[in-house]
Amino acid sequence: MDHLSAASIFNSRLSFWTAQGFAGAELYEQLAEDNELPSFFDPDDIAEIQGVLVGSVKKARHRGAGPAFIRLSSKVIKYPRPDYCRHLASKFVRRAA
């Protein structure tokens, strides 16, 4: 079996839940509870999912603007899936039609 990146799996599950009729913050809540996603993302995963540089993820973390994270050592950072997805939900902006 081919190894899929966390971002590929995330986008696949995003498409799945969208096809099930979820949208907006509710979509990210479904992703937060989706056990087919990895339990934790690393900064490279977050950067790939968001389409930004890893340095941008690091800067957001240092400013306190990013999602909750776990520092396992001075060089190992992990983002719990539920916290990351709920962070995305909190950033969702619904536009008036």
N, C-alpha and C. Protein backbone atom coordinates (compact mmCIF):
# COMPACT_ATOMS: atom_id res chain seq x y z
N MET A 1 0.85 -1.18 0.00
CA MET A 1 0.00 0.00 0.00
C MET A 1 0.89 1.24 0.00
N ASP A 2 0.52 2.22 -0.79
CA ASP A 2 1.28 3.46 -0.84
C ASP A 2 1.05 4.27 0.42
N HIS A 3 2.12 4.95 0.85
CA HIS A 3 2.02 5.82 2.02
C HIS A 3 1.47 7.17 1.55
N LEU A 4 0.35 7.57 2.10
CA LEU A 4 -0.24 8.86 1.77
C LEU A 4 0.18 9.88 2.81
N SER A 5 0.39 11.10 2.38
CA SER A 5 0.74 12.15 3.33
C SER A 5 -0.48 12.49 4.18
N ALA A 6 -0.21 13.04 5.34
CA ALA A 6 -1.31 13.46 6.22
C ALA A 6 -2.19 14.47 5.52
N ALA A 7 -1.58 15.34 4.70
CA ALA A 7 -2.37 16.35 3.98
C ALA A 7 -3.29 15.68 2.95
N SER A 8 -2.80 14.65 2.28
CA SER A 8 -3.63 13.93 1.31
C SER A 8 -4.82 13.27 1.99
N ILE A 9 -4.55 12.65 3.13
CA ILE A 9 -5.63 12.00 3.88
C ILE A 9 -6.61 13.05 4.39
N PHE A 10 -6.09 14.17 4.90
CA PHE A 10 -6.94 15.26 5.39
C PHE A 10 -7.86 15.75 4.27
N ASN A 11 -7.28 16.00 3.09
CA ASN A 11 -8.09 16.50 1.97
C ASN A 11 -9.12 15.48 1.51
N SER A 12 -8.76 14.21 1.55
CA SER A 12 -9.69 13.15 1.19
C SER A 12 -10.89 13.12 2.15
N ARG A 13 -10.59 13.21 3.44
CA ARG A 13 -11.67 13.19 4.45
C ARG A 13 -12.48 14.48 4.40
N LEU A 14 -11.84 15.60 4.08
CA LEU A 14 -12.55 16.86 3.88
C LEU A 14 -13.57 16.71 2.75
N SER A 15 -13.14 16.10 1.66
CA SER A 15 -14.05 15.85 0.54
C SER A 15 -15.18 14.91 0.93
N PHE A 16 -14.84 13.87 1.69
CA PHE A 16 -15.85 12.91 2.14
C PHE A 16 -16.94 13.62 2.94
N TRP A 17 -16.55 14.40 3.97
CA TRP A 17 -17.54 15.05 4.82
C TRP A 17 -18.31 16.13 4.07
N THR A 18 -17.66 16.79 3.13
CA THR A 18 -18.37 17.77 2.30
C THR A 18 -19.45 17.07 1.48
N ALA A 19 -19.12 15.91 0.93
CA ALA A 19 -20.10 15.14 0.14
C ALA A 19 -21.25 14.65 1.02
N GLN A 20 -21.01 14.51 2.32
CA GLN A 20 -22.07 14.09 3.24
C GLN A 20 -22.97 15.27 3.63
N GLY A 21 -22.66 16.46 3.13
CA GLY A 21 -23.50 17.62 3.37
C GLY A 21 -23.03 18.55 4.47
N PHE A 22 -21.85 18.31 5.01
CA PHE A 22 -21.33 19.19 6.05
C PHE A 22 -20.59 20.36 5.43
N ALA A 23 -20.69 21.51 6.08
CA ALA A 23 -20.01 22.72 5.60
C ALA A 23 -19.67 23.59 6.80
N GLY A 24 -18.80 24.54 6.56
CA GLY A 24 -18.46 25.52 7.59
C GLY A 24 -17.84 24.88 8.82
N ALA A 25 -18.10 25.48 9.95
CA ALA A 25 -17.53 25.01 11.22
C ALA A 25 -17.95 23.57 11.52
N GLU A 26 -19.15 23.18 11.11
CA GLU A 26 -19.63 21.81 11.35
C GLU A 26 -18.76 20.79 10.60
N LEU A 27 -18.25 21.17 9.45
CA LEU A 27 -17.36 20.30 8.68
C LEU A 27 -16.09 20.01 9.48
N TYR A 28 -15.53 21.04 10.08
CA TYR A 28 -14.29 20.86 10.85
C TYR A 28 -14.54 20.09 12.14
N GLU A 29 -15.72 20.20 12.68
CA GLU A 29 -16.06 19.39 13.86
C GLU A 29 -16.09 17.91 13.49
N GLN A 30 -16.62 17.59 12.31
CA GLN A 30 -16.60 16.20 11.84
C GLN A 30 -15.16 15.71 11.68
N LEU A 31 -14.31 16.56 11.12
CA LEU A 31 -12.91 16.18 10.95
C LEU A 31 -12.22 15.98 12.30
N ALA A 32 -12.59 16.79 13.29
CA ALA A 32 -11.99 16.67 14.63
C ALA A 32 -12.25 15.29 15.23
N GLU A 33 -13.38 14.70 14.90
CA GLU A 33 -13.77 13.40 15.46
C GLU A 33 -13.49 12.24 14.51
N ASP A 34 -12.93 12.51 13.34
CA ASP A 34 -12.72 11.50 12.30
C ASP A 34 -11.49 10.65 12.62
N ASN A 35 -11.71 9.42 13.03
CA ASN A 35 -10.61 8.53 13.41
C ASN A 35 -9.84 7.97 12.22
N GLU A 36 -10.25 8.30 11.01
CA GLU A 36 -9.46 7.90 9.84
C GLU A 36 -8.31 8.87 9.59
N LEU A 37 -8.33 9.99 10.28
CA LEU A 37 -7.22 10.95 10.23
C LEU A 37 -6.20 10.59 11.30
N PRO A 38 -4.95 11.01 11.11
CA PRO A 38 -3.95 10.76 12.15
C PRO A 38 -4.36 11.45 13.46
N SER A 39 -3.98 10.88 14.56
CA SER A 39 -4.29 11.46 15.88
C SER A 39 -3.53 12.77 16.10
N PHE A 40 -2.33 12.86 15.50
CA PHE A 40 -1.49 14.04 15.64
C PHE A 40 -0.93 14.43 14.29
N PHE A 41 -0.75 15.74 14.10
CA PHE A 41 -0.08 16.27 12.92
C PHE A 41 1.22 16.91 13.38
N ASP A 42 2.24 16.86 12.53
CA ASP A 42 3.46 17.59 12.85
C ASP A 42 3.46 18.91 12.05
N PRO A 43 4.39 19.81 12.33
CA PRO A 43 4.38 21.11 11.64
C PRO A 43 4.43 21.00 10.11
N ASP A 44 5.14 20.00 9.59
CA ASP A 44 5.17 19.81 8.13
C ASP A 44 3.78 19.48 7.60
N ASP A 45 3.03 18.65 8.33
CA ASP A 45 1.67 18.30 7.93
C ASP A 45 0.79 19.55 7.91
N ILE A 46 0.88 20.35 8.97
CA ILE A 46 0.05 21.55 9.09
C ILE A 46 0.36 22.50 7.93
N ALA A 47 1.65 22.68 7.64
CA ALA A 47 2.06 23.56 6.54
C ALA A 47 1.49 23.06 5.21
N GLU A 48 1.57 21.76 4.98
CA GLU A 48 1.07 21.20 3.71
C GLU A 48 -0.45 21.33 3.62
N ILE A 49 -1.15 21.07 4.70
CA ILE A 49 -2.62 21.19 4.71
C ILE A 49 -3.03 22.63 4.41
N GLN A 50 -2.33 23.58 5.02
CA GLN A 50 -2.70 24.99 4.88
C GLN A 50 -2.08 25.66 3.66
N GLY A 51 -1.13 24.98 3.01
CA GLY A 51 -0.49 25.55 1.84
C GLY A 51 0.44 26.71 2.17
N VAL A 52 1.12 26.60 3.31
CA VAL A 52 2.06 27.64 3.74
C VAL A 52 3.42 26.99 4.01
N LEU A 53 4.40 27.82 4.26
CA LEU A 53 5.73 27.32 4.62
C LEU A 53 5.73 26.87 6.08
N VAL A 54 6.59 25.91 6.39
CA VAL A 54 6.72 25.42 7.76
C VAL A 54 7.09 26.58 8.69
N GLY A 55 7.89 27.52 8.20
CA GLY A 55 8.26 28.69 8.99
C GLY A 55 7.06 29.51 9.42
N SER A 56 6.05 29.55 8.58
CA SER A 56 4.82 30.28 8.92
C SER A 56 4.08 29.61 10.07
N VAL A 57 4.09 28.29 10.07
CA VAL A 57 3.47 27.53 11.16
C VAL A 57 4.22 27.81 12.46
N LYS A 58 5.54 27.81 12.38
CA LYS A 58 6.38 28.08 13.56
C LYS A 58 6.13 29.49 14.09
N LYS A 59 6.05 30.48 13.19
CA LYS A 59 5.81 31.86 13.62
C LYS A 59 4.46 31.99 14.30
N ALA A 60 3.44 31.35 13.73
CA ALA A 60 2.10 31.41 14.35
C ALA A 60 2.14 30.78 15.74
N ARG A 61 2.86 29.68 15.88
CA ARG A 61 2.98 29.01 17.19
C ARG A 61 3.66 29.93 18.20
N HIS A 62 4.71 30.60 17.78
CA HIS A 62 5.46 31.48 18.70
C HIS A 62 4.66 32.72 19.07
N ARG A 63 3.79 33.19 18.17
CA ARG A 63 2.93 34.35 18.46
C ARG A 63 1.70 33.96 19.27
N GLY A 64 1.46 32.65 19.41
CA GLY A 64 0.26 32.20 20.11
C GLY A 64 -0.98 32.25 19.24
N ALA A 65 -0.79 32.38 17.92
CA ALA A 65 -1.91 32.51 17.00
C ALA A 65 -2.34 31.18 16.39
N GLY A 66 -1.55 30.16 16.55
CA GLY A 66 -1.86 28.88 15.94
C GLY A 66 -2.66 27.98 16.85
N PRO A 67 -2.89 26.75 16.40
CA PRO A 67 -3.65 25.79 17.21
C PRO A 67 -2.84 25.31 18.41
N ALA A 68 -3.53 24.69 19.36
CA ALA A 68 -2.87 24.10 20.52
C ALA A 68 -1.90 23.03 20.03
N PHE A 69 -0.81 22.87 20.77
CA PHE A 69 0.20 21.89 20.38
C PHE A 69 0.80 21.24 21.62
N ILE A 70 1.52 20.16 21.37
CA ILE A 70 2.24 19.46 22.43
C ILE A 70 3.72 19.52 22.08
N ARG A 71 4.53 19.96 23.02
CA ARG A 71 5.99 19.99 22.83
C ARG A 71 6.55 18.75 23.52
N LEU A 72 6.91 17.74 22.71
CA LEU A 72 7.45 16.50 23.25
C LEU A 72 8.93 16.62 23.62
N SER A 73 9.62 17.51 22.93
CA SER A 73 11.02 17.82 23.24
C SER A 73 11.29 19.19 22.63
N SER A 74 12.52 19.65 22.74
CA SER A 74 12.82 20.97 22.20
C SER A 74 12.67 21.02 20.68
N LYS A 75 12.69 19.87 20.03
CA LYS A 75 12.60 19.83 18.57
C LYS A 75 11.39 19.08 18.03
N VAL A 76 10.57 18.52 18.90
CA VAL A 76 9.42 17.73 18.44
C VAL A 76 8.12 18.38 18.91
N ILE A 77 7.34 18.82 17.93
CA ILE A 77 6.05 19.47 18.17
C ILE A 77 4.98 18.62 17.50
N LYS A 78 3.88 18.40 18.18
CA LYS A 78 2.74 17.68 17.61
C LYS A 78 1.47 18.48 17.86
N TYR A 79 0.59 18.44 16.89
CA TYR A 79 -0.70 19.11 16.98
C TYR A 79 -1.80 18.05 17.06
N PRO A 80 -2.51 17.94 18.17
CA PRO A 80 -3.60 16.96 18.25
C PRO A 80 -4.68 17.27 17.21
N ARG A 81 -5.14 16.23 16.53
CA ARG A 81 -6.14 16.40 15.48
C ARG A 81 -7.36 17.20 15.94
N PRO A 82 -7.98 16.86 17.07
CA PRO A 82 -9.18 17.62 17.48
C PRO A 82 -8.90 19.10 17.68
N ASP A 83 -7.77 19.42 18.30
CA ASP A 83 -7.42 20.82 18.54
C ASP A 83 -7.17 21.56 17.22
N TYR A 84 -6.47 20.91 16.30
CA TYR A 84 -6.18 21.55 15.01
C TYR A 84 -7.48 21.80 14.23
N CYS A 85 -8.33 20.80 14.16
CA CYS A 85 -9.58 20.95 13.40
C CYS A 85 -10.51 22.00 14.03
N ARG A 86 -10.55 22.03 15.34
CA ARG A 86 -11.37 23.05 16.01
C ARG A 86 -10.78 24.44 15.84
N HIS A 87 -9.47 24.52 15.74
CA HIS A 87 -8.82 25.79 15.44
C HIS A 87 -9.27 26.28 14.06
N LEU A 88 -9.28 25.37 13.08
CA LEU A 88 -9.75 25.74 11.74
C LEU A 88 -11.22 26.17 11.79
N ALA A 89 -12.03 25.46 12.56
CA ALA A 89 -13.45 25.82 12.68
C ALA A 89 -13.59 27.23 13.26
N SER A 90 -12.74 27.59 14.21
CA SER A 90 -12.83 28.92 14.82
C SER A 90 -12.44 30.02 13.84
N LYS A 91 -11.71 29.68 12.79
CA LYS A 91 -11.29 30.65 11.78
C LYS A 91 -12.27 30.74 10.62
N PHE A 92 -13.25 29.86 10.59
CA PHE A 92 -14.21 29.86 9.50
C PHE A 92 -15.07 31.11 9.54
N VAL A 93 -15.21 31.78 8.41
CA VAL A 93 -16.03 32.99 8.30
C VAL A 93 -17.17 32.70 7.33
N ARG A 94 -18.38 32.81 7.83
CA ARG A 94 -19.56 32.60 6.98
C ARG A 94 -19.95 33.95 6.38
N ARG A 95 -20.00 34.01 5.07
CA ARG A 95 -20.37 35.23 4.35
C ARG A 95 -21.88 35.26 4.11
N ALA A 96 -22.46 36.42 4.23
CA ALA A 96 -23.89 36.58 3.94
C ALA A 96 -24.09 36.42 2.43
N ALA A 97 -25.16 35.76 2.06
CA ALA A 97 -25.44 35.53 0.64
C ALA A 97 -25.98 36.76 -0.03
